[in-house]
Amino acid sequence: MRILLKGGHVIDPSQGIDGPMDLLIRDDRIEKLEPDITDEADEVTDVSGCYVVPGLIDMHVHLREPGFEHKETIKTGSMAAARGGFTSICPMPNTKPVIDSPEMVRFVREKAEKEAVVHILPVGAVTKGQMGIEPADITGMVQAGAAAISEDGKSVMNTEVYRQAMVLAKEAHIPVLDHCEDKYLVKDGALNAGPAAERIGVTGISNGVEDIITARDILLAKETGCRLHLCHCSTKDSVRMVREAREDGLAVSAEVCPHHFTLTEDDIPGDDANYKMNPPLRSEADKEALIEGLCSDVMQVISTDHAPHHADEKAKGIGKAPFGIVGLETSVALTMTALVHTGKMTPTQMVEHMSTVPAKILGIDKGSLKPGKMADITVIDPEAEYTIDKETFVSKGKNTPFDGWKVKGRVTRTIVAGKCVYEYR
């Protein structure tokens, strides 16, 4: 089976390509990437006016299965990923039971092989049961197919236990995906410690809740030599510390989520739990620092922290509702609208942040359109304008603050291993 994508604007940072090219797929591999390919093909698709880029990779999602299938499943989450342009995603281990053993990693992989339409790269827990008491079988999980470890949803508060896990991760050549939150400081916080929390009458979450653990874990990474990736950074001091860590030559990277570079606490209209996420929406100064960090390549990754919840749970109000919003189906549009079309970030940078660099951090053979590579490809119409409608989401979760937003930039086709798994019609 040969598929030819004609007339597209190819952006592939791994090869330094940014211009008109045709792309020929044979079965599950990229066969040719050249101007004006004339080879015969079983299917020829005109992608004129569109970006053709290496398949997007989301390093931070929650698929909820096993245990919380009423929120999301591996199948529905993968379909949401495909609609959002993602060909590979990393589901976090805070399920029920926790993904903390080789057996559970194999469960995710086997389920994904049967039901997922994109590549699923399981993430194992740092500690057994995510209890923070002793490291999980990290070596065994990696042998079973875990791409990384994370305690996402909480921090490992025992510094020695985390140090041990970092050593094991370094030996296994995988990154540690780090949720930075001091549980003793956060207490029952719901929003950023600022005007919105005071107005709505909930406990605030200070920047120090994130910053203190960020500082600790960078120092642990320096001591152990592990690859540390900081998840969903939200504060200006996180940006500063990442910059300093990278200047010191440490293997530290960091991600920012679209909600943190598009919204602040000032945008929260009232007691609406679709604006409740962890870490919370911060101040304008924090948002601007995150944008500067992304656009200067200090913060190298854009991830979604896709966190679906049932509508009844989110209807409880900010004080009682769970943290989190969905993000897989809005990430490209928000990034294009807020960063690329405003001239703050180049299209090439966007591809680096959403494909090339995540592949490097995870150590996987993706994020490139070189001939011979697996045909994981995302096609984006940069000029398409539309209004986000949560009712069109294929994710089970509709919990988003972006419903009704006018955006510019639409995923039109997602190809995984040479097969089109999503096409906008």
Protein backbone atom coordinates (compact mmCIF):
# COMPACT_ATOMS: atom_id res chain seq x y z
CA MET A 1 0.00 0.00 0.00
CA ARG A 2 1.47 3.32 -1.09
CA ILE A 3 0.05 6.68 -0.01
CA LEU A 4 1.27 9.97 -1.46
CA LEU A 5 0.78 13.29 0.33
CA LYS A 6 1.11 16.02 -2.33
CA GLY A 7 1.73 19.73 -2.04
CA GLY A 8 2.25 20.06 1.69
CA HIS A 9 4.60 22.30 3.66
CA VAL A 10 6.85 19.84 5.47
CA ILE A 11 8.32 20.88 8.82
CA ASP A 12 10.84 18.40 10.19
CA PRO A 13 13.37 19.85 12.64
CA SER A 14 15.26 16.53 12.74
CA GLN A 15 16.33 17.16 9.14
CA GLY A 16 16.21 20.95 9.07
CA ILE A 17 13.34 20.86 6.56
CA ASP A 18 10.86 23.73 6.40
CA GLY A 19 9.30 24.02 2.97
CA PRO A 20 7.29 22.43 0.14
CA MET A 21 7.74 18.66 -0.14
CA ASP A 22 5.80 15.58 -1.15
CA LEU A 23 5.82 12.53 1.09
CA LEU A 24 5.39 8.92 -0.04
CA ILE A 25 4.37 6.20 2.40
CA ARG A 26 4.82 2.48 1.68
CA ASP A 27 2.94 0.30 4.16
CA ASP A 28 4.01 1.51 7.63
CA ARG A 29 7.18 3.36 6.57
CA ILE A 30 8.13 6.64 4.94
CA GLU A 31 9.60 5.78 1.55
CA LYS A 32 10.36 9.19 0.04
CA LEU A 33 10.43 12.83 1.10
CA GLU A 34 11.20 14.94 -1.95
CA PRO A 35 9.87 17.83 -4.03
CA ASP A 36 7.35 16.76 -6.69
CA ILE A 37 7.21 12.98 -6.28
CA THR A 38 5.72 11.36 -9.40
CA ASP A 39 5.73 7.71 -8.28
CA GLU A 40 2.50 5.78 -8.63
CA ALA A 41 0.48 5.39 -5.43
CA ASP A 42 -2.67 3.61 -4.34
CA GLU A 43 -3.92 6.80 -2.77
CA VAL A 44 -2.96 10.40 -3.53
CA THR A 45 -4.01 13.11 -1.07
CA ASP A 46 -3.72 16.81 -1.76
CA VAL A 47 -2.48 18.52 1.41
CA SER A 48 -1.80 21.91 -0.15
CA GLY A 49 -1.81 24.74 2.37
CA CYS A 50 -1.16 22.36 5.25
CA TYR A 51 1.80 21.62 7.48
CA VAL A 52 2.99 18.03 7.27
CA VAL A 53 4.92 17.24 10.44
CA PRO A 54 6.27 14.27 12.41
CA GLY A 55 3.51 12.70 14.48
CA LEU A 56 2.90 14.66 17.67
CA ILE A 57 3.85 13.12 21.02
CA ASP A 58 2.11 13.91 24.31
CA MET A 59 4.29 12.99 27.27
CA HIS A 60 1.56 13.53 29.86
CA VAL A 61 -1.99 12.18 29.65
CA HIS A 62 -4.45 10.35 31.89
CA LEU A 63 -6.40 7.54 30.24
CA ARG A 64 -8.02 6.42 33.54
CA GLU A 65 -8.05 2.71 32.65
CA PRO A 66 -8.03 0.50 34.65
CA GLY A 67 -10.41 1.52 37.40
CA PHE A 68 -11.99 4.75 36.18
CA GLU A 69 -13.43 3.76 32.82
CA HIS A 70 -16.43 6.05 33.38
CA LYS A 71 -14.00 8.97 32.87
CA GLU A 72 -11.96 7.62 29.93
CA THR A 73 -10.60 4.39 28.47
CA ILE A 74 -7.49 3.50 26.55
CA LYS A 75 -9.69 3.26 23.43
CA THR A 76 -11.52 6.59 23.82
CA GLY A 77 -8.39 8.41 24.99
CA SER A 78 -6.45 7.16 21.97
CA MET A 79 -9.25 8.33 19.68
CA ALA A 80 -9.12 11.76 21.30
CA ALA A 81 -5.36 11.76 20.79
CA ALA A 82 -5.76 10.94 17.11
CA ARG A 83 -8.29 13.76 16.66
CA GLY A 84 -5.80 16.09 18.33
CA GLY A 85 -2.95 15.07 16.01
CA PHE A 86 -1.06 12.89 18.49
CA THR A 87 0.41 9.62 17.26
CA SER A 88 2.07 8.65 20.56
CA ILE A 89 0.94 9.34 24.12
CA CYS A 90 2.25 8.54 27.61
CA PRO A 91 -0.53 7.59 30.08
CA MET A 92 0.20 8.26 33.74
CA PRO A 93 0.08 5.39 36.25
CA ASN A 94 -2.40 6.79 38.81
CA THR A 95 -5.10 4.29 37.90
CA LYS A 96 -6.80 1.67 40.07
CA PRO A 97 -4.86 -0.51 40.49
CA VAL A 98 -1.77 1.63 40.04
CA ILE A 99 0.57 0.80 37.14
CA ASP A 100 3.40 -0.22 39.48
CA SER A 101 4.46 -3.68 38.27
CA PRO A 102 5.53 -5.47 35.09
CA GLU A 103 2.15 -7.19 35.04
CA MET A 104 0.28 -3.89 35.03
CA VAL A 105 2.54 -2.44 32.33
CA ARG A 106 1.81 -5.50 30.22
CA PHE A 107 -1.92 -5.02 30.85
CA VAL A 108 -1.76 -1.50 29.41
CA ARG A 109 0.30 -2.60 26.43
CA GLU A 110 -1.92 -5.58 25.60
CA LYS A 111 -5.07 -3.48 25.96
CA ALA A 112 -3.56 -0.80 23.74
CA GLU A 113 -2.55 -3.31 21.07
CA LYS A 114 -6.17 -4.46 20.84
CA GLU A 115 -8.04 -1.17 21.19
CA ALA A 116 -5.86 1.92 20.75
CA VAL A 117 -5.51 3.76 17.44
CA VAL A 118 -2.26 5.51 18.43
CA HIS A 119 0.96 4.34 20.08
CA ILE A 120 0.57 3.98 23.84
CA LEU A 121 3.81 4.36 25.84
CA PRO A 122 3.02 3.24 29.41
CA VAL A 123 4.46 5.14 32.37
CA GLY A 124 5.13 3.16 35.54
CA ALA A 125 4.75 4.44 39.09
CA VAL A 126 7.81 5.53 41.06
CA THR A 127 6.70 3.74 44.24
CA LYS A 128 4.57 0.69 45.03
CA GLY A 129 0.94 1.69 44.99
CA GLN A 130 2.07 5.31 44.72
CA MET A 131 2.30 5.20 48.50
CA GLY A 132 5.73 6.86 48.58
CA ILE A 133 7.20 4.23 50.89
CA GLU A 134 9.44 2.09 48.64
CA PRO A 135 10.40 2.11 44.97
CA ALA A 136 8.33 0.00 42.60
CA ASP A 137 9.94 -2.67 40.40
CA ILE A 138 11.31 -0.08 38.02
CA THR A 139 13.71 -2.43 36.22
CA GLY A 140 10.95 -4.99 35.70
CA MET A 141 8.51 -2.38 34.41
CA VAL A 142 11.02 -1.11 31.87
CA GLN A 143 11.65 -4.66 30.68
CA ALA A 144 7.86 -5.01 30.30
CA GLY A 145 7.72 -1.86 28.14
CA ALA A 146 7.44 1.17 30.44
CA ALA A 147 8.79 4.28 28.74
CA ALA A 148 9.27 6.31 31.93
CA ILE A 149 8.32 6.48 35.59
CA SER A 150 6.19 9.07 37.36
CA GLU A 151 4.27 9.54 40.58
CA ASP A 152 2.00 11.96 38.77
CA GLY A 153 -0.88 13.24 40.83
CA LYS A 154 1.47 13.67 43.77
CA SER A 155 5.14 14.02 44.69
CA VAL A 156 7.33 11.42 46.36
CA MET A 157 7.80 13.28 49.62
CA ASN A 158 10.46 10.89 51.00
CA THR A 159 13.63 12.29 49.46
CA GLU A 160 15.68 9.12 49.97
CA VAL A 161 13.05 6.94 48.31
CA TYR A 162 12.98 9.31 45.33
CA ARG A 163 16.77 9.30 45.15
CA GLN A 164 16.75 5.50 45.00
CA ALA A 165 14.16 5.55 42.22
CA MET A 166 16.16 8.10 40.25
CA VAL A 167 19.22 5.85 40.42
CA LEU A 168 17.18 2.91 39.12
CA ALA A 169 15.73 5.07 36.33
CA LYS A 170 19.21 6.18 35.28
CA GLU A 171 20.39 2.56 35.19
CA ALA A 172 17.35 1.65 33.07
CA HIS A 173 17.93 4.62 30.70
CA ILE A 174 14.45 6.12 31.16
CA PRO A 175 13.34 9.60 32.24
CA VAL A 176 11.61 10.49 35.50
CA LEU A 177 8.45 12.53 34.84
CA ASP A 178 8.11 14.75 37.88
CA HIS A 179 4.95 16.17 39.51
CA CYS A 180 6.20 18.89 41.85
CA GLU A 181 3.87 19.52 44.79
CA ASP A 182 4.65 19.75 48.50
CA LYS A 183 1.67 17.97 50.03
CA TYR A 184 2.29 19.55 53.42
CA LEU A 185 1.95 23.03 51.93
CA VAL A 186 -0.93 22.42 49.53
CA LYS A 187 -3.37 21.20 52.25
CA ASP A 188 -6.89 21.58 50.82
CA GLY A 189 -5.93 24.22 48.25
CA ALA A 190 -8.10 24.52 45.14
CA LEU A 191 -6.95 27.61 43.21
CA ASN A 192 -3.88 29.81 43.06
CA ALA A 193 -3.26 31.79 46.23
CA GLY A 194 -4.60 35.07 44.89
CA PRO A 195 -7.68 37.15 44.06
CA ALA A 196 -9.76 34.34 42.52
CA ALA A 197 -9.38 32.05 45.53
CA GLU A 198 -10.32 34.92 47.84
CA ARG A 199 -13.32 35.89 45.71
CA ILE A 200 -14.65 32.33 45.45
CA GLY A 201 -13.83 31.46 49.02
CA VAL A 202 -11.46 28.51 48.64
CA THR A 203 -7.98 27.83 50.01
CA GLY A 204 -5.14 29.08 47.85
CA ILE A 205 -2.16 27.14 46.50
CA SER A 206 1.03 29.20 46.68
CA ASN A 207 3.82 29.12 44.10
CA GLY A 208 6.03 27.64 46.81
CA VAL A 209 4.02 24.40 46.70
CA GLU A 210 5.57 23.76 43.27
CA ASP A 211 8.84 25.65 43.57
CA ILE A 212 10.15 23.92 46.70
CA ILE A 213 9.83 20.44 45.20
CA THR A 214 11.16 21.66 41.85
CA ALA A 215 14.32 22.88 43.57
CA ARG A 216 14.69 19.66 45.57
CA ASP A 217 14.25 17.40 42.58
CA ILE A 218 16.67 19.32 40.37
CA LEU A 219 19.27 18.87 43.11
CA LEU A 220 18.44 15.15 43.29
CA ALA A 221 18.83 14.89 39.52
CA LYS A 222 22.21 16.60 39.81
CA GLU A 223 23.30 14.08 42.46
CA THR A 224 22.00 10.97 40.68
CA GLY A 225 22.59 11.95 37.04
CA CYS A 226 19.10 10.84 36.02
CA ARG A 227 17.11 12.46 33.23
CA LEU A 228 14.50 14.58 34.98
CA HIS A 229 11.46 15.96 33.17
CA LEU A 230 9.34 18.46 35.09
CA CYS A 231 5.63 18.10 34.34
CA HIS A 232 3.03 20.88 33.95
CA CYS A 233 5.23 23.76 35.19
CA SER A 234 3.18 26.79 36.23
CA THR A 235 5.42 29.33 37.98
CA LYS A 236 8.00 31.90 36.95
CA ASP A 237 10.53 30.44 39.38
CA SER A 238 10.16 27.00 37.79
CA VAL A 239 11.25 28.60 34.51
CA ARG A 240 14.20 30.27 36.23
CA MET A 241 15.32 27.05 37.91
CA VAL A 242 15.04 25.04 34.68
CA ARG A 243 17.09 27.65 32.86
CA GLU A 244 19.80 27.50 35.52
CA ALA A 245 19.78 23.69 35.58
CA ARG A 246 20.23 23.50 31.83
CA GLU A 247 22.99 26.13 31.93
CA ASP A 248 24.70 23.88 34.47
CA GLY A 249 24.54 21.01 31.98
CA LEU A 250 22.01 18.91 33.88
CA ALA A 251 19.72 16.48 32.03
CA VAL A 252 16.64 18.47 33.03
CA SER A 253 13.73 19.28 30.75
CA ALA A 254 10.30 20.75 31.39
CA GLU A 255 6.85 21.03 29.90
CA VAL A 256 4.12 23.65 29.89
CA CYS A 257 0.43 22.92 29.25
CA PRO A 258 -1.72 25.07 26.94
CA HIS A 259 -4.02 26.11 29.79
CA HIS A 260 -1.06 27.59 31.65
CA PHE A 261 0.10 29.70 28.69
CA THR A 262 -3.39 30.85 27.68
CA LEU A 263 -5.21 31.47 30.98
CA THR A 264 -4.59 33.06 34.37
CA GLU A 265 -6.50 33.16 37.64
CA ASP A 266 -8.07 36.41 36.38
CA ASP A 267 -9.94 34.43 33.71
CA ILE A 268 -11.84 32.31 36.23
CA PRO A 269 -15.45 33.55 35.91
CA GLY A 270 -16.77 32.13 39.18
CA ASP A 271 -17.35 28.79 40.84
CA ASP A 272 -16.71 26.79 37.67
CA ALA A 273 -14.63 23.64 38.22
CA ASN A 274 -13.64 23.55 34.54
CA TYR A 275 -11.04 26.10 35.66
CA LYS A 276 -9.74 23.84 38.44
CA MET A 277 -6.49 22.07 37.56
CA ASN A 278 -3.34 21.09 39.39
CA PRO A 279 -1.13 23.06 39.39
CA PRO A 280 -3.65 25.90 39.27
CA LEU A 281 -3.93 28.79 36.86
CA ARG A 282 -1.43 31.33 38.14
CA SER A 283 -0.83 35.08 37.77
CA GLU A 284 -0.22 37.07 34.61
CA ALA A 285 3.47 37.35 35.55
CA ASP A 286 3.73 33.56 35.79
CA LYS A 287 1.98 33.09 32.45
CA GLU A 288 4.27 35.53 30.69
CA ALA A 289 7.33 33.80 32.18
CA LEU A 290 6.06 30.44 30.91
CA ILE A 291 5.53 31.85 27.42
CA GLU A 292 9.01 33.39 27.43
CA GLY A 293 10.42 30.07 28.62
CA LEU A 294 8.71 28.16 25.83
CA CYS A 295 9.59 30.60 23.09
CA SER A 296 13.25 30.79 24.17
CA ASP A 297 13.39 26.97 24.28
CA VAL A 298 14.15 26.83 28.00
CA MET A 299 10.91 24.93 28.45
CA GLN A 300 11.23 22.42 25.62
CA VAL A 301 7.93 20.54 25.65
CA ILE A 302 4.21 21.28 25.32
CA SER A 303 2.08 18.54 26.92
CA THR A 304 -1.62 18.49 27.75
CA ASP A 305 -2.01 16.77 31.15
CA HIS A 306 -5.25 15.49 29.60
CA ALA A 307 -7.39 14.73 32.67
CA PRO A 308 -10.96 13.66 31.86
CA HIS A 309 -13.65 13.60 34.55
CA HIS A 310 -17.34 12.77 34.54
CA ALA A 311 -19.65 15.78 34.27
CA ASP A 312 -21.26 15.01 37.64
CA GLU A 313 -17.86 15.23 39.36
CA LYS A 314 -17.04 18.57 37.80
CA ALA A 315 -20.50 19.93 38.66
CA LYS A 316 -19.65 19.91 42.38
CA GLY A 317 -17.94 23.30 42.26
CA ILE A 318 -14.33 24.33 42.69
CA GLY A 319 -14.14 23.43 46.37
CA LYS A 320 -15.15 19.79 45.95
CA ALA A 321 -14.58 18.85 42.30
CA PRO A 322 -11.48 16.91 41.23
CA PHE A 323 -8.56 18.69 39.58
CA GLY A 324 -8.04 18.50 35.84
CA ILE A 325 -9.27 19.33 32.34
CA VAL A 326 -9.15 17.55 28.99
CA GLY A 327 -6.58 18.77 26.49
CA LEU A 328 -5.79 16.33 23.69
CA GLU A 329 -8.33 17.76 21.25
CA THR A 330 -7.52 21.45 21.83
CA SER A 331 -3.74 21.53 22.23
CA VAL A 332 -2.73 22.19 18.62
CA ALA A 333 -5.36 24.88 18.10
CA LEU A 334 -4.49 26.69 21.33
CA THR A 335 -0.76 26.54 20.61
CA MET A 336 -1.22 27.79 17.06
CA THR A 337 -3.59 30.56 18.15
CA ALA A 338 -1.75 31.79 21.25
CA LEU A 339 1.87 31.30 20.23
CA VAL A 340 2.38 30.70 16.50
CA HIS A 341 -0.12 33.11 14.96
CA THR A 342 0.95 35.82 17.42
CA GLY A 343 4.54 35.48 16.20
CA LYS A 344 5.89 34.44 19.60
CA MET A 345 6.84 30.94 18.42
CA THR A 346 7.77 29.69 14.97
CA PRO A 347 5.99 26.70 13.43
CA THR A 348 9.29 24.81 13.61
CA GLN A 349 9.50 25.47 17.35
CA MET A 350 5.99 24.15 17.78
CA VAL A 351 6.96 20.90 16.07
CA GLU A 352 10.10 20.67 18.19
CA HIS A 353 8.09 21.15 21.38
CA MET A 354 5.34 18.72 20.41
CA SER A 355 7.26 15.98 18.58
CA THR A 356 11.01 16.17 18.07
CA VAL A 357 12.08 16.95 21.65
CA PRO A 358 9.58 14.64 23.38
CA ALA A 359 10.94 11.78 21.25
CA LYS A 360 14.49 12.60 22.33
CA ILE A 361 13.58 12.82 26.02
CA LEU A 362 11.77 9.49 25.87
CA GLY A 363 14.56 7.92 23.85
CA ILE A 364 12.22 6.59 21.16
CA ASP A 365 12.76 6.38 17.41
CA LYS A 366 10.09 8.90 16.50
CA GLY A 367 9.77 12.64 15.86
CA SER A 368 11.20 12.48 12.34
CA LEU A 369 10.04 12.12 8.73
CA LYS A 370 13.29 10.62 7.44
CA PRO A 371 12.79 7.89 4.83
CA GLY A 372 12.81 4.52 6.54
CA LYS A 373 11.16 5.82 9.71
CA MET A 374 7.71 4.67 10.81
CA ALA A 375 5.04 6.70 9.07
CA ASP A 376 3.67 8.61 12.06
CA ILE A 377 2.49 11.89 10.53
CA THR A 378 0.29 14.82 11.52
CA VAL A 379 -1.27 17.19 8.98
CA ILE A 380 -2.33 20.64 10.20
CA ASP A 381 -4.21 23.38 8.37
CA PRO A 382 -2.69 26.51 9.96
CA GLU A 383 -5.31 28.88 8.57
CA ALA A 384 -8.47 26.97 9.48
CA GLU A 385 -10.63 28.97 11.88
CA TYR A 386 -13.30 27.42 14.04
CA THR A 387 -14.96 27.51 17.43
CA ILE A 388 -14.10 24.85 20.02
CA ASP A 389 -17.20 22.81 20.82
CA LYS A 390 -16.82 20.33 23.67
CA GLU A 391 -19.80 18.34 22.38
CA THR A 392 -17.70 17.30 19.37
CA PHE A 393 -14.96 15.79 21.57
CA VAL A 394 -14.47 12.06 21.18
CA SER A 395 -12.97 11.90 24.67
CA LYS A 396 -15.45 10.86 27.33
CA GLY A 397 -14.42 14.00 29.19
CA LYS A 398 -15.98 17.34 28.23
CA ASN A 399 -14.39 19.24 31.12
CA THR A 400 -12.73 22.20 29.43
CA PRO A 401 -12.62 25.96 29.99
CA PHE A 402 -12.12 26.48 26.24
CA ASP A 403 -15.64 25.65 25.07
CA GLY A 404 -16.70 28.46 22.73
CA TRP A 405 -13.18 29.75 22.08
CA LYS A 406 -12.45 30.90 18.54
CA VAL A 407 -9.16 29.40 17.36
CA LYS A 408 -7.02 29.18 14.24
CA GLY A 409 -5.24 25.96 13.31
CA ARG A 410 -6.86 22.55 12.83
CA VAL A 411 -5.55 18.99 12.66
CA THR A 412 -6.90 17.57 9.40
CA ARG A 413 -5.24 14.13 9.31
CA THR A 414 -3.41 11.83 11.68
CA ILE A 415 -1.46 8.88 10.29
CA VAL A 416 -0.12 6.15 12.59
CA ALA A 417 2.22 3.51 11.17
CA GLY A 418 1.01 4.35 7.66
CA LYS A 419 -2.70 4.13 8.52
CA CYS A 420 -4.98 7.16 8.60
CA VAL A 421 -6.64 7.01 12.02
CA TYR A 422 -8.27 10.45 11.87
CA GLU A 423 -9.40 12.68 9.05
CA TYR A 424 -11.34 15.93 9.43
CA ARG A 425 -14.47 15.92 7.32
